[in-house]
Amino acid sequence: MARKCLIAREVKRKKTVAKYAELRKELKANGDYEALQKLPKNASPVRVRNRCVLTGRPRGYYRKFGVSRLVFREMALSGEIPGIKKSSW
């Protein structure tokens, strides 16, 4: 499991991105790049990292399900994800 501070940092970044989204859109449309530079670094959506909602793992993340590959496998094998089953032939 990821450290709690890393998970909290990502939540804070997502809030900051949402807060400044409209202002960033206006500044970009007007071409005012100097004012855009004065916004906080974390206001940029590029800085947000996708993390597993259960473990906080940053790598091996499936967007469709919102979890990492490890959690996905465990959930699929236990039948917690509808429509997913282990293939065999």
N, C-alpha and C. Protein backbone atom coordinates (compact mmCIF):
# COMPACT_ATOMS: atom_id res chain seq x y z
N MET A 1 0.84 -1.18 0.00
CA MET A 1 0.00 0.00 0.00
C MET A 1 0.89 1.24 0.00
N ALA A 2 0.47 2.24 -0.75
CA ALA A 2 1.21 3.49 -0.83
C ALA A 2 1.10 4.25 0.49
N ARG A 3 2.07 5.12 0.71
CA ARG A 3 2.02 5.93 1.92
C ARG A 3 0.80 6.85 1.88
N LYS A 4 0.23 7.10 3.04
CA LYS A 4 -0.98 7.92 3.13
C LYS A 4 -0.74 9.33 2.63
N CYS A 5 0.46 9.86 2.83
CA CYS A 5 0.74 11.23 2.41
C CYS A 5 0.72 11.36 0.89
N LEU A 6 1.13 10.30 0.17
CA LEU A 6 1.12 10.35 -1.29
C LEU A 6 -0.30 10.33 -1.84
N ILE A 7 -1.14 9.54 -1.20
CA ILE A 7 -2.54 9.49 -1.60
C ILE A 7 -3.22 10.83 -1.33
N ALA A 8 -2.94 11.40 -0.16
CA ALA A 8 -3.52 12.70 0.20
C ALA A 8 -3.04 13.80 -0.73
N ARG A 9 -1.79 13.73 -1.16
CA ARG A 9 -1.23 14.73 -2.07
C ARG A 9 -1.96 14.71 -3.41
N GLU A 10 -2.26 13.50 -3.89
CA GLU A 10 -2.98 13.38 -5.16
C GLU A 10 -4.40 13.92 -5.05
N VAL A 11 -5.05 13.68 -3.92
CA VAL A 11 -6.39 14.21 -3.71
C VAL A 11 -6.35 15.74 -3.72
N LYS A 12 -5.35 16.29 -3.08
CA LYS A 12 -5.18 17.75 -3.03
C LYS A 12 -4.93 18.31 -4.44
N ARG A 13 -4.13 17.61 -5.23
CA ARG A 13 -3.87 18.04 -6.61
C ARG A 13 -5.14 18.04 -7.44
N LYS A 14 -5.95 17.00 -7.29
CA LYS A 14 -7.20 16.92 -8.05
C LYS A 14 -8.13 18.08 -7.70
N LYS A 15 -8.17 18.44 -6.43
CA LYS A 15 -9.01 19.58 -6.01
C LYS A 15 -8.49 20.88 -6.61
N THR A 16 -7.16 21.05 -6.63
CA THR A 16 -6.56 22.25 -7.19
C THR A 16 -6.82 22.35 -8.68
N VAL A 17 -6.71 21.24 -9.39
CA VAL A 17 -6.98 21.22 -10.83
C VAL A 17 -8.42 21.62 -11.10
N ALA A 18 -9.34 21.06 -10.31
CA ALA A 18 -10.76 21.38 -10.50
C ALA A 18 -11.04 22.85 -10.19
N LYS A 19 -10.36 23.39 -9.20
CA LYS A 19 -10.57 24.78 -8.79
C LYS A 19 -10.15 25.75 -9.89
N TYR A 20 -9.03 25.49 -10.54
CA TYR A 20 -8.48 26.41 -11.53
C TYR A 20 -8.81 26.04 -12.98
N ALA A 21 -9.61 25.02 -13.20
CA ALA A 21 -9.88 24.54 -14.56
C ALA A 21 -10.50 25.62 -15.44
N GLU A 22 -11.51 26.29 -14.94
CA GLU A 22 -12.19 27.32 -15.73
C GLU A 22 -11.26 28.50 -16.02
N LEU A 23 -10.51 28.94 -15.01
CA LEU A 23 -9.59 30.06 -15.19
C LEU A 23 -8.49 29.71 -16.19
N ARG A 24 -7.96 28.50 -16.10
CA ARG A 24 -6.94 28.05 -17.07
C ARG A 24 -7.48 28.05 -18.48
N LYS A 25 -8.71 27.62 -18.63
CA LYS A 25 -9.34 27.57 -19.95
C LYS A 25 -9.46 28.97 -20.54
N GLU A 26 -9.89 29.93 -19.72
CA GLU A 26 -10.02 31.32 -20.18
C GLU A 26 -8.67 31.92 -20.56
N LEU A 27 -7.66 31.70 -19.71
CA LEU A 27 -6.34 32.26 -19.97
C LEU A 27 -5.73 31.67 -21.24
N LYS A 28 -5.92 30.39 -21.45
CA LYS A 28 -5.40 29.76 -22.67
C LYS A 28 -6.10 30.29 -23.91
N ALA A 29 -7.43 30.50 -23.81
CA ALA A 29 -8.19 31.01 -24.95
C ALA A 29 -7.76 32.43 -25.31
N ASN A 30 -7.43 33.23 -24.30
CA ASN A 30 -6.99 34.61 -24.52
C ASN A 30 -5.51 34.70 -24.90
N GLY A 31 -4.77 33.63 -24.68
CA GLY A 31 -3.34 33.63 -24.99
C GLY A 31 -2.51 34.35 -23.95
N ASP A 32 -3.04 34.49 -22.74
CA ASP A 32 -2.34 35.19 -21.65
C ASP A 32 -1.47 34.19 -20.90
N TYR A 33 -0.30 33.90 -21.45
CA TYR A 33 0.57 32.87 -20.88
C TYR A 33 1.34 33.35 -19.66
N GLU A 34 1.49 34.64 -19.50
CA GLU A 34 2.17 35.15 -18.30
C GLU A 34 1.29 34.93 -17.07
N ALA A 35 0.01 35.18 -17.20
CA ALA A 35 -0.91 34.95 -16.08
C ALA A 35 -1.05 33.45 -15.82
N LEU A 36 -0.95 32.67 -16.87
CA LEU A 36 -1.02 31.22 -16.73
C LEU A 36 0.18 30.70 -15.93
N GLN A 37 1.34 31.32 -16.12
CA GLN A 37 2.54 30.93 -15.39
C GLN A 37 2.43 31.25 -13.90
N LYS A 38 1.60 32.23 -13.55
CA LYS A 38 1.48 32.64 -12.15
C LYS A 38 0.54 31.74 -11.35
N LEU A 39 -0.19 30.89 -12.03
CA LEU A 39 -1.05 29.95 -11.31
C LEU A 39 -0.18 28.91 -10.60
N PRO A 40 -0.73 28.23 -9.60
CA PRO A 40 0.06 27.19 -8.90
C PRO A 40 0.46 26.06 -9.85
N LYS A 41 1.59 25.44 -9.57
CA LYS A 41 2.07 24.33 -10.39
C LYS A 41 1.05 23.20 -10.44
N ASN A 42 0.46 22.93 -9.30
CA ASN A 42 -0.47 21.80 -9.22
C ASN A 42 -1.83 22.09 -9.84
N ALA A 43 -2.01 23.27 -10.42
CA ALA A 43 -3.25 23.59 -11.11
C ALA A 43 -3.27 22.97 -12.50
N SER A 44 -2.15 22.46 -12.95
CA SER A 44 -2.07 21.84 -14.27
C SER A 44 -2.55 20.39 -14.19
N PRO A 45 -3.46 19.99 -15.08
CA PRO A 45 -3.96 18.61 -15.03
C PRO A 45 -2.90 17.55 -15.37
N VAL A 46 -1.80 17.95 -15.95
CA VAL A 46 -0.73 17.02 -16.30
C VAL A 46 -0.07 16.46 -15.05
N ARG A 47 -0.11 17.20 -13.96
CA ARG A 47 0.58 16.78 -12.74
C ARG A 47 -0.20 15.74 -11.92
N VAL A 48 -1.44 15.48 -12.29
CA VAL A 48 -2.24 14.49 -11.58
C VAL A 48 -1.82 13.09 -12.00
N ARG A 49 -1.62 12.22 -11.03
CA ARG A 49 -1.19 10.85 -11.29
C ARG A 49 -2.34 9.92 -10.94
N ASN A 50 -2.68 9.02 -11.85
CA ASN A 50 -3.74 8.05 -11.57
C ASN A 50 -3.24 7.04 -10.53
N ARG A 51 -4.06 6.82 -9.51
CA ARG A 51 -3.71 5.88 -8.46
C ARG A 51 -4.89 4.96 -8.17
N CYS A 52 -4.57 3.76 -7.73
CA CYS A 52 -5.58 2.79 -7.35
C CYS A 52 -6.37 3.35 -6.16
N VAL A 53 -7.70 3.24 -6.22
CA VAL A 53 -8.52 3.79 -5.14
C VAL A 53 -8.41 2.98 -3.86
N LEU A 54 -8.02 1.72 -3.96
CA LEU A 54 -7.93 0.87 -2.77
C LEU A 54 -6.54 0.87 -2.14
N THR A 55 -5.49 0.77 -2.97
CA THR A 55 -4.14 0.65 -2.42
C THR A 55 -3.29 1.90 -2.63
N GLY A 56 -3.65 2.74 -3.58
CA GLY A 56 -2.85 3.93 -3.87
C GLY A 56 -1.69 3.65 -4.80
N ARG A 57 -1.63 2.46 -5.37
CA ARG A 57 -0.53 2.09 -6.26
C ARG A 57 -0.59 2.93 -7.54
N PRO A 58 0.55 3.56 -7.93
CA PRO A 58 0.53 4.44 -9.10
C PRO A 58 0.75 3.72 -10.43
N ARG A 59 1.31 2.54 -10.40
CA ARG A 59 1.61 1.83 -11.65
C ARG A 59 0.64 0.68 -11.86
N GLY A 60 0.47 0.30 -13.12
CA GLY A 60 -0.42 -0.80 -13.44
C GLY A 60 -1.86 -0.45 -13.15
N TYR A 61 -2.26 0.76 -13.51
CA TYR A 61 -3.58 1.29 -13.20
C TYR A 61 -4.53 1.09 -14.38
N TYR A 62 -5.70 0.50 -14.15
CA TYR A 62 -6.72 0.34 -15.18
C TYR A 62 -7.75 1.46 -15.02
N ARG A 63 -7.80 2.35 -16.00
CA ARG A 63 -8.71 3.49 -15.91
C ARG A 63 -10.17 3.07 -15.82
N LYS A 64 -10.53 2.08 -16.59
CA LYS A 64 -11.93 1.65 -16.66
C LYS A 64 -12.45 1.21 -15.29
N PHE A 65 -11.61 0.62 -14.48
CA PHE A 65 -12.03 0.09 -13.19
C PHE A 65 -11.55 0.93 -12.01
N GLY A 66 -10.53 1.76 -12.22
CA GLY A 66 -10.03 2.63 -11.15
C GLY A 66 -9.15 1.93 -10.14
N VAL A 67 -8.66 0.76 -10.48
CA VAL A 67 -7.81 0.01 -9.56
C VAL A 67 -6.55 -0.47 -10.27
N SER A 68 -5.58 -0.91 -9.49
CA SER A 68 -4.34 -1.43 -10.07
C SER A 68 -4.55 -2.85 -10.56
N ARG A 69 -3.59 -3.34 -11.30
CA ARG A 69 -3.69 -4.68 -11.89
C ARG A 69 -3.77 -5.76 -10.81
N LEU A 70 -3.09 -5.53 -9.70
CA LEU A 70 -3.08 -6.53 -8.62
C LEU A 70 -4.45 -6.62 -7.95
N VAL A 71 -5.02 -5.47 -7.66
CA VAL A 71 -6.34 -5.44 -7.03
C VAL A 71 -7.39 -5.96 -8.01
N PHE A 72 -7.23 -5.58 -9.28
CA PHE A 72 -8.16 -6.04 -10.32
C PHE A 72 -8.19 -7.56 -10.38
N ARG A 73 -7.02 -8.17 -10.34
CA ARG A 73 -6.94 -9.64 -10.42
C ARG A 73 -7.63 -10.29 -9.23
N GLU A 74 -7.36 -9.76 -8.05
CA GLU A 74 -7.99 -10.33 -6.85
C GLU A 74 -9.51 -10.18 -6.90
N MET A 75 -9.97 -9.02 -7.33
CA MET A 75 -11.41 -8.77 -7.40
C MET A 75 -12.06 -9.66 -8.47
N ALA A 76 -11.38 -9.84 -9.59
CA ALA A 76 -11.92 -10.66 -10.67
C ALA A 76 -12.00 -12.13 -10.26
N LEU A 77 -10.97 -12.62 -9.59
CA LEU A 77 -10.96 -14.02 -9.16
C LEU A 77 -12.01 -14.30 -8.08
N SER A 78 -12.28 -13.29 -7.27
CA SER A 78 -13.30 -13.49 -6.23
C SER A 78 -14.70 -13.18 -6.73
N GLY A 79 -14.82 -12.73 -7.99
CA GLY A 79 -16.13 -12.48 -8.58
C GLY A 79 -16.76 -11.16 -8.22
N GLU A 80 -15.98 -10.20 -7.80
CA GLU A 80 -16.50 -8.90 -7.39
C GLU A 80 -16.72 -7.95 -8.57
N ILE A 81 -16.16 -8.28 -9.75
CA ILE A 81 -16.34 -7.43 -10.93
C ILE A 81 -17.28 -8.17 -11.88
N PRO A 82 -18.47 -7.64 -12.13
CA PRO A 82 -19.42 -8.34 -13.00
C PRO A 82 -18.91 -8.42 -14.44
N GLY A 83 -19.11 -9.56 -15.06
CA GLY A 83 -18.74 -9.75 -16.46
C GLY A 83 -17.30 -10.13 -16.69
N ILE A 84 -16.50 -10.23 -15.65
CA ILE A 84 -15.09 -10.59 -15.79
C ILE A 84 -14.89 -11.99 -15.21
N LYS A 85 -14.26 -12.84 -16.03
CA LYS A 85 -13.91 -14.17 -15.52
C LYS A 85 -12.57 -14.57 -16.12
N LYS A 86 -11.89 -15.45 -15.46
CA LYS A 86 -10.60 -15.92 -15.93
C LYS A 86 -10.80 -16.80 -17.16
N SER A 87 -10.03 -16.52 -18.18
CA SER A 87 -10.18 -17.30 -19.40
C SER A 87 -9.38 -18.60 -19.32
N SER A 88 -9.92 -19.62 -19.95
CA SER A 88 -9.20 -20.89 -20.07
C SER A 88 -9.71 -21.60 -21.31
N TRP A 89 -8.81 -22.25 -22.00
CA TRP A 89 -9.20 -22.98 -23.23
C TRP A 89 -8.36 -24.20 -23.41
